[in-house]
C-alpha atoms as a PDB file:
ATOM      1  CA  MET A   1     -21.831 -14.872  -5.328  1.00  0.00           C
ATOM      2  CA  VAL A   2     -22.756 -18.631  -5.220  1.00  0.00           C
ATOM      3  CA  ASN A   3     -24.625 -19.403  -2.141  1.00  0.00           C
ATOM      4  CA  LYS A   4     -23.848 -23.124  -1.266  1.00  0.00           C
ATOM      5  CA  GLY A   5     -24.078 -23.365   2.454  1.00  0.00           C
ATOM      6  CA  GLY A   6     -27.426 -21.926   3.224  1.00  0.00           C
ATOM      7  CA  LYS A   7     -28.061 -20.888   6.668  1.00  0.00           C
ATOM      8  CA  ASP A   8     -24.586 -20.868   7.667  1.00  0.00           C
ATOM      9  CA  MET A   9     -23.524 -18.309   4.520  1.00  0.00           C
ATOM     10  CA  LYS A  10     -26.141 -16.010   5.445  1.00  0.00           C
ATOM     11  CA  LYS A  11     -24.877 -15.595   8.964  1.00  0.00           C
ATOM     12  CA  GLU A  12     -21.328 -14.956   7.568  1.00  0.00           C
ATOM     13  CA  SER A  13     -22.563 -12.928   4.525  1.00  0.00           C
ATOM     14  CA  PHE A  14     -23.144  -9.653   6.810  1.00  0.00           C
ATOM     15  CA  LYS A  15     -19.670  -9.917   7.992  1.00  0.00           C
ATOM     16  CA  ASP A  16     -17.940 -10.727   4.909  1.00  0.00           C
ATOM     17  CA  LYS A  17     -20.020  -7.677   3.367  1.00  0.00           C
ATOM     18  CA  MET A  18     -18.796  -5.125   6.295  1.00  0.00           C
ATOM     19  CA  ILE A  19     -14.883  -6.728   6.213  1.00  0.00           C
ATOM     20  CA  GLU A  20     -15.506  -6.035   2.085  1.00  0.00           C
ATOM     21  CA  ARG A  21     -16.475  -2.606   2.333  1.00  0.00           C
ATOM     22  CA  ILE A  22     -13.674  -1.802   5.112  1.00  0.00           C
ATOM     23  CA  LYS A  23     -11.311  -3.258   2.688  1.00  0.00           C
ATOM     24  CA  VAL A  24     -12.366  -1.202  -0.333  1.00  0.00           C
ATOM     25  CA  SER A  25     -12.364   1.927   1.740  1.00  0.00           C
ATOM     26  CA  ILE A  26      -8.844   0.989   2.964  1.00  0.00           C
ATOM     27  CA  PHE A  27      -7.831   0.680  -0.486  1.00  0.00           C
ATOM     28  CA  PHE A  28      -9.805   3.540  -2.296  1.00  0.00           C
ATOM     29  CA  ILE A  29      -9.245   6.349   0.271  1.00  0.00           C
ATOM     30  CA  PRO A  30      -5.218   6.666  -0.810  1.00  0.00           C
ATOM     31  CA  PHE A  31      -6.331   6.355  -4.206  1.00  0.00           C
ATOM     32  CA  ILE A  32      -8.811   9.192  -4.301  1.00  0.00           C
ATOM     33  CA  LEU A  33      -6.477  11.305  -2.432  1.00  0.00           C
ATOM     34  CA  ALA A  34      -3.972  10.495  -4.907  1.00  0.00           C
ATOM     35  CA  ILE A  35      -6.230  11.752  -7.583  1.00  0.00           C
ATOM     36  CA  TYR A  36      -7.003  14.754  -5.414  1.00  0.00           C
ATOM     37  CA  VAL A  37      -3.330  15.740  -5.217  1.00  0.00           C
ATOM     38  CA  LEU A  38      -2.792  14.961  -8.828  1.00  0.00           C
ATOM     39  CA  LEU A  39      -5.498  17.483  -9.677  1.00  0.00           C
ATOM     40  CA  PHE A  40      -4.421  20.033  -7.391  1.00  0.00           C
ATOM     41  CA  VAL A  41      -0.889  19.825  -8.962  1.00  0.00           C
ATOM     42  CA  ILE A  42      -1.961  20.017 -12.244  1.00  0.00           C
END
């Protein structure tokens, strides 16, 4: 990540990290569940 905004970027970085974690978790939970289902089927 390139920090151009300085102080303004630091305030948003925490929110952005939280949003990114939520997005990643929403993306990965079905993916992990699909892997578990495949493992149980096989």
